[in-house]
Amino acid sequence: MALIKCRECGQQVSDSALKCPHCGAPATPKRVLVATAMAAVLAAALTAGLLVARQGSSESSDPALIGAGAAVIGAVVVGLAVVLLVVKLRGGR
């Protein structure tokens, strides 16, 4: 458990606190951000698995399907990068 600075008052707060004990500002615990990142990775893996599973069917060569799958995976990767950046900027490890 590490101490981070509150984004409102600047006082030190536990990274697992739900709110700042000094000013009451809400805080997103690091474990919530990590869980969100893990869910994003799982969603990308499931999407990729579905695309690979459909390769044997005649519908798998549909450019719209391939483009939609690539867009979903791209969005998940960007979302994961944003979550990791937020964790890093907030003092997470």
N, C-alpha and C. Protein backbone atom coordinates (compact mmCIF):
# COMPACT_ATOMS: atom_id res chain seq x y z
N MET A 1 0.85 -1.17 0.00
CA MET A 1 0.00 0.00 0.00
C MET A 1 0.90 1.24 0.00
N ALA A 2 0.69 2.10 -0.96
CA ALA A 2 1.51 3.29 -1.10
C ALA A 2 0.68 4.54 -0.83
N LEU A 3 1.39 5.62 -0.57
CA LEU A 3 0.73 6.91 -0.38
C LEU A 3 0.85 7.73 -1.66
N ILE A 4 -0.25 8.34 -2.04
CA ILE A 4 -0.29 9.21 -3.21
C ILE A 4 -0.84 10.56 -2.76
N LYS A 5 -0.68 11.57 -3.63
CA LYS A 5 -1.22 12.89 -3.32
C LYS A 5 -2.67 12.98 -3.77
N CYS A 6 -3.50 13.58 -2.91
CA CYS A 6 -4.89 13.85 -3.27
C CYS A 6 -4.90 14.88 -4.41
N ARG A 7 -5.73 14.64 -5.40
CA ARG A 7 -5.75 15.57 -6.54
C ARG A 7 -6.43 16.89 -6.20
N GLU A 8 -7.15 16.93 -5.09
CA GLU A 8 -7.84 18.16 -4.68
C GLU A 8 -7.02 18.99 -3.68
N CYS A 9 -6.60 18.37 -2.58
CA CYS A 9 -5.94 19.14 -1.51
C CYS A 9 -4.43 18.93 -1.43
N GLY A 10 -3.92 17.90 -2.12
CA GLY A 10 -2.48 17.67 -2.13
C GLY A 10 -1.94 16.90 -0.94
N GLN A 11 -2.79 16.54 0.00
CA GLN A 11 -2.36 15.76 1.17
C GLN A 11 -2.11 14.31 0.76
N GLN A 12 -1.33 13.58 1.58
CA GLN A 12 -1.07 12.19 1.29
C GLN A 12 -2.26 11.32 1.67
N VAL A 13 -2.57 10.38 0.75
CA VAL A 13 -3.72 9.49 0.90
C VAL A 13 -3.28 8.10 0.48
N SER A 14 -3.81 7.09 1.13
CA SER A 14 -3.53 5.71 0.73
C SER A 14 -4.05 5.47 -0.69
N ASP A 15 -3.31 4.70 -1.48
CA ASP A 15 -3.76 4.42 -2.85
C ASP A 15 -4.96 3.48 -2.87
N SER A 16 -5.35 2.93 -1.74
CA SER A 16 -6.54 2.08 -1.69
C SER A 16 -7.74 2.79 -1.07
N ALA A 17 -7.58 4.06 -0.72
CA ALA A 17 -8.68 4.83 -0.11
C ALA A 17 -9.74 5.16 -1.14
N LEU A 18 -10.99 5.14 -0.71
CA LEU A 18 -12.08 5.52 -1.60
C LEU A 18 -12.27 7.02 -1.68
N LYS A 19 -11.85 7.72 -0.62
CA LYS A 19 -11.91 9.18 -0.63
C LYS A 19 -10.80 9.72 0.25
N CYS A 20 -10.45 10.97 0.04
CA CYS A 20 -9.40 11.62 0.83
C CYS A 20 -9.92 11.83 2.26
N PRO A 21 -9.15 11.40 3.27
CA PRO A 21 -9.60 11.61 4.64
C PRO A 21 -9.51 13.07 5.08
N HIS A 22 -8.79 13.89 4.32
CA HIS A 22 -8.61 15.30 4.68
C HIS A 22 -9.71 16.20 4.11
N CYS A 23 -10.01 16.02 2.81
CA CYS A 23 -10.98 16.91 2.17
C CYS A 23 -12.24 16.19 1.68
N GLY A 24 -12.19 14.85 1.66
CA GLY A 24 -13.36 14.07 1.24
C GLY A 24 -13.50 13.89 -0.26
N ALA A 25 -12.50 14.33 -1.03
CA ALA A 25 -12.57 14.19 -2.49
C ALA A 25 -12.56 12.70 -2.85
N PRO A 26 -13.41 12.30 -3.80
CA PRO A 26 -13.43 10.90 -4.20
C PRO A 26 -12.13 10.53 -4.91
N ALA A 27 -11.70 9.30 -4.68
CA ALA A 27 -10.50 8.79 -5.32
C ALA A 27 -10.80 7.43 -5.91
N THR A 28 -10.22 7.14 -7.04
CA THR A 28 -10.37 5.82 -7.63
C THR A 28 -9.21 4.97 -7.16
N PRO A 29 -9.47 3.95 -6.35
CA PRO A 29 -8.38 3.11 -5.88
C PRO A 29 -7.64 2.44 -7.04
N LYS A 30 -6.35 2.23 -6.86
CA LYS A 30 -5.52 1.63 -7.90
C LYS A 30 -6.06 0.26 -8.30
N ARG A 31 -6.61 -0.47 -7.33
CA ARG A 31 -7.11 -1.81 -7.65
C ARG A 31 -8.29 -1.74 -8.63
N VAL A 32 -9.08 -0.66 -8.59
CA VAL A 32 -10.18 -0.51 -9.54
C VAL A 32 -9.62 -0.25 -10.94
N LEU A 33 -8.59 0.58 -11.03
CA LEU A 33 -7.97 0.85 -12.33
C LEU A 33 -7.32 -0.41 -12.90
N VAL A 34 -6.67 -1.18 -12.05
CA VAL A 34 -6.04 -2.42 -12.51
C VAL A 34 -7.10 -3.41 -12.97
N ALA A 35 -8.20 -3.51 -12.24
CA ALA A 35 -9.29 -4.40 -12.63
C ALA A 35 -9.88 -3.98 -13.97
N THR A 36 -10.00 -2.68 -14.20
CA THR A 36 -10.50 -2.17 -15.48
C THR A 36 -9.54 -2.54 -16.61
N ALA A 37 -8.25 -2.40 -16.37
CA ALA A 37 -7.25 -2.76 -17.37
C ALA A 37 -7.32 -4.25 -17.67
N MET A 38 -7.47 -5.07 -16.64
CA MET A 38 -7.56 -6.52 -16.85
C MET A 38 -8.81 -6.88 -17.65
N ALA A 39 -9.91 -6.21 -17.38
CA ALA A 39 -11.15 -6.46 -18.12
C ALA A 39 -10.97 -6.08 -19.59
N ALA A 40 -10.25 -5.00 -19.85
CA ALA A 40 -10.00 -4.58 -21.23
C ALA A 40 -9.17 -5.61 -21.98
N VAL A 41 -8.16 -6.14 -21.32
CA VAL A 41 -7.32 -7.17 -21.95
C VAL A 41 -8.15 -8.42 -22.22
N LEU A 42 -8.99 -8.81 -21.28
CA LEU A 42 -9.85 -9.97 -21.46
C LEU A 42 -10.80 -9.76 -22.64
N ALA A 43 -11.37 -8.57 -22.75
CA ALA A 43 -12.27 -8.28 -23.86
C ALA A 43 -11.54 -8.37 -25.20
N ALA A 44 -10.32 -7.87 -25.25
CA ALA A 44 -9.54 -7.94 -26.49
C ALA A 44 -9.22 -9.39 -26.83
N ALA A 45 -8.88 -10.19 -25.83
CA ALA A 45 -8.56 -11.59 -26.07
C ALA A 45 -9.79 -12.35 -26.57
N LEU A 46 -10.95 -12.09 -25.98
CA LEU A 46 -12.18 -12.74 -26.42
C LEU A 46 -12.54 -12.34 -27.85
N THR A 47 -12.38 -11.06 -28.17
CA THR A 47 -12.67 -10.59 -29.52
C THR A 47 -11.74 -11.25 -30.53
N ALA A 48 -10.46 -11.30 -30.20
CA ALA A 48 -9.49 -11.92 -31.09
C ALA A 48 -9.80 -13.41 -31.25
N GLY A 49 -10.18 -14.06 -30.15
CA GLY A 49 -10.53 -15.48 -30.23
C GLY A 49 -11.73 -15.73 -31.11
N LEU A 50 -12.73 -14.86 -31.02
CA LEU A 50 -13.91 -15.01 -31.88
C LEU A 50 -13.55 -14.82 -33.35
N LEU A 51 -12.68 -13.87 -33.63
CA LEU A 51 -12.27 -13.65 -35.02
C LEU A 51 -11.49 -14.84 -35.57
N VAL A 52 -10.61 -15.40 -34.75
CA VAL A 52 -9.83 -16.56 -35.19
C VAL A 52 -10.74 -17.76 -35.38
N ALA A 53 -11.72 -17.94 -34.49
CA ALA A 53 -12.64 -19.07 -34.59
C ALA A 53 -13.49 -19.00 -35.85
N ARG A 54 -13.74 -17.80 -36.32
CA ARG A 54 -14.57 -17.63 -37.53
C ARG A 54 -13.78 -17.75 -38.81
N GLN A 55 -12.47 -17.92 -38.73
CA GLN A 55 -11.65 -17.99 -39.95
C GLN A 55 -12.06 -19.14 -40.86
N GLY A 56 -12.55 -20.21 -40.30
CA GLY A 56 -12.93 -21.37 -41.10
C GLY A 56 -14.24 -21.17 -41.84
N SER A 57 -15.03 -20.20 -41.46
CA SER A 57 -16.33 -20.01 -42.11
C SER A 57 -16.19 -19.09 -43.32
N SER A 58 -17.18 -19.13 -44.18
CA SER A 58 -17.15 -18.29 -45.38
C SER A 58 -17.33 -16.82 -45.05
N GLU A 59 -17.90 -16.53 -43.87
CA GLU A 59 -18.14 -15.15 -43.48
C GLU A 59 -16.87 -14.47 -42.98
N SER A 60 -15.81 -15.24 -42.70
CA SER A 60 -14.62 -14.67 -42.08
C SER A 60 -13.87 -13.72 -43.01
N SER A 61 -14.08 -13.85 -44.32
CA SER A 61 -13.37 -12.96 -45.23
C SER A 61 -14.12 -11.65 -45.48
N ASP A 62 -15.23 -11.46 -44.79
CA ASP A 62 -16.00 -10.24 -44.92
C ASP A 62 -15.19 -9.06 -44.39
N PRO A 63 -14.86 -8.08 -45.24
CA PRO A 63 -14.04 -6.95 -44.79
C PRO A 63 -14.66 -6.16 -43.65
N ALA A 64 -16.00 -6.08 -43.62
CA ALA A 64 -16.66 -5.34 -42.54
C ALA A 64 -16.43 -6.03 -41.20
N LEU A 65 -16.48 -7.37 -41.20
CA LEU A 65 -16.24 -8.12 -39.97
C LEU A 65 -14.80 -7.95 -39.49
N ILE A 66 -13.88 -8.04 -40.41
CA ILE A 66 -12.47 -7.88 -40.06
C ILE A 66 -12.20 -6.46 -39.57
N GLY A 67 -12.77 -5.48 -40.23
CA GLY A 67 -12.60 -4.09 -39.82
C GLY A 67 -13.21 -3.82 -38.46
N ALA A 68 -14.38 -4.39 -38.19
CA ALA A 68 -15.02 -4.20 -36.89
C ALA A 68 -14.20 -4.84 -35.79
N GLY A 69 -13.68 -6.02 -36.05
CA GLY A 69 -12.83 -6.68 -35.05
C GLY A 69 -11.57 -5.90 -34.77
N ALA A 70 -10.95 -5.39 -35.83
CA ALA A 70 -9.74 -4.58 -35.66
C ALA A 70 -10.05 -3.30 -34.90
N ALA A 71 -11.20 -2.70 -35.16
CA ALA A 71 -11.58 -1.48 -34.44
C ALA A 71 -11.80 -1.76 -32.96
N VAL A 72 -12.43 -2.88 -32.64
CA VAL A 72 -12.66 -3.24 -31.23
C VAL A 72 -11.33 -3.47 -30.53
N ILE A 73 -10.46 -4.23 -31.15
CA ILE A 73 -9.15 -4.51 -30.54
C ILE A 73 -8.36 -3.20 -30.39
N GLY A 74 -8.40 -2.35 -31.39
CA GLY A 74 -7.70 -1.06 -31.30
C GLY A 74 -8.25 -0.20 -30.19
N ALA A 75 -9.56 -0.16 -30.05
CA ALA A 75 -10.18 0.64 -28.99
C ALA A 75 -9.80 0.10 -27.61
N VAL A 76 -9.75 -1.21 -27.46
CA VAL A 76 -9.38 -1.81 -26.19
C VAL A 76 -7.92 -1.51 -25.86
N VAL A 77 -7.06 -1.59 -26.86
CA VAL A 77 -5.63 -1.30 -26.63
C VAL A 77 -5.45 0.16 -26.23
N VAL A 78 -6.13 1.07 -26.89
CA VAL A 78 -6.04 2.49 -26.54
C VAL A 78 -6.60 2.71 -25.14
N GLY A 79 -7.72 2.08 -24.82
CA GLY A 79 -8.29 2.20 -23.48
C GLY A 79 -7.35 1.69 -22.42
N LEU A 80 -6.71 0.57 -22.69
CA LEU A 80 -5.74 0.01 -21.74
C LEU A 80 -4.56 0.97 -21.56
N ALA A 81 -4.09 1.56 -22.64
CA ALA A 81 -2.98 2.51 -22.54
C ALA A 81 -3.38 3.72 -21.69
N VAL A 82 -4.60 4.20 -21.87
CA VAL A 82 -5.07 5.34 -21.08
C VAL A 82 -5.15 4.97 -19.60
N VAL A 83 -5.68 3.80 -19.29
CA VAL A 83 -5.77 3.37 -17.90
C VAL A 83 -4.39 3.27 -17.27
N LEU A 84 -3.46 2.66 -17.98
CA LEU A 84 -2.10 2.53 -17.45
C LEU A 84 -1.43 3.90 -17.28
N LEU A 85 -1.68 4.82 -18.19
CA LEU A 85 -1.13 6.17 -18.07
C LEU A 85 -1.71 6.88 -16.85
N VAL A 86 -3.01 6.73 -16.62
CA VAL A 86 -3.64 7.35 -15.45
C VAL A 86 -3.05 6.78 -14.17
N VAL A 87 -2.85 5.47 -14.13
CA VAL A 87 -2.25 4.84 -12.94
C VAL A 87 -0.86 5.41 -12.71
N LYS A 88 -0.08 5.53 -13.77
CA LYS A 88 1.28 6.05 -13.64
C LYS A 88 1.27 7.51 -13.18
N LEU A 89 0.41 8.33 -13.75
CA LEU A 89 0.35 9.74 -13.39
C LEU A 89 -0.15 9.96 -11.96
N ARG A 90 -0.96 9.04 -11.47
CA ARG A 90 -1.49 9.18 -10.12
C ARG A 90 -0.54 8.58 -9.07
N GLY A 91 0.62 8.14 -9.51
CA GLY A 91 1.60 7.64 -8.56
C GLY A 91 1.57 6.15 -8.36
N GLY A 92 0.84 5.42 -9.19
CA GLY A 92 0.80 3.97 -9.09
C GLY A 92 2.07 3.34 -9.62
N ARG A 93 2.25 2.07 -9.31
CA ARG A 93 3.47 1.37 -9.78
C ARG A 93 3.13 0.31 -10.75
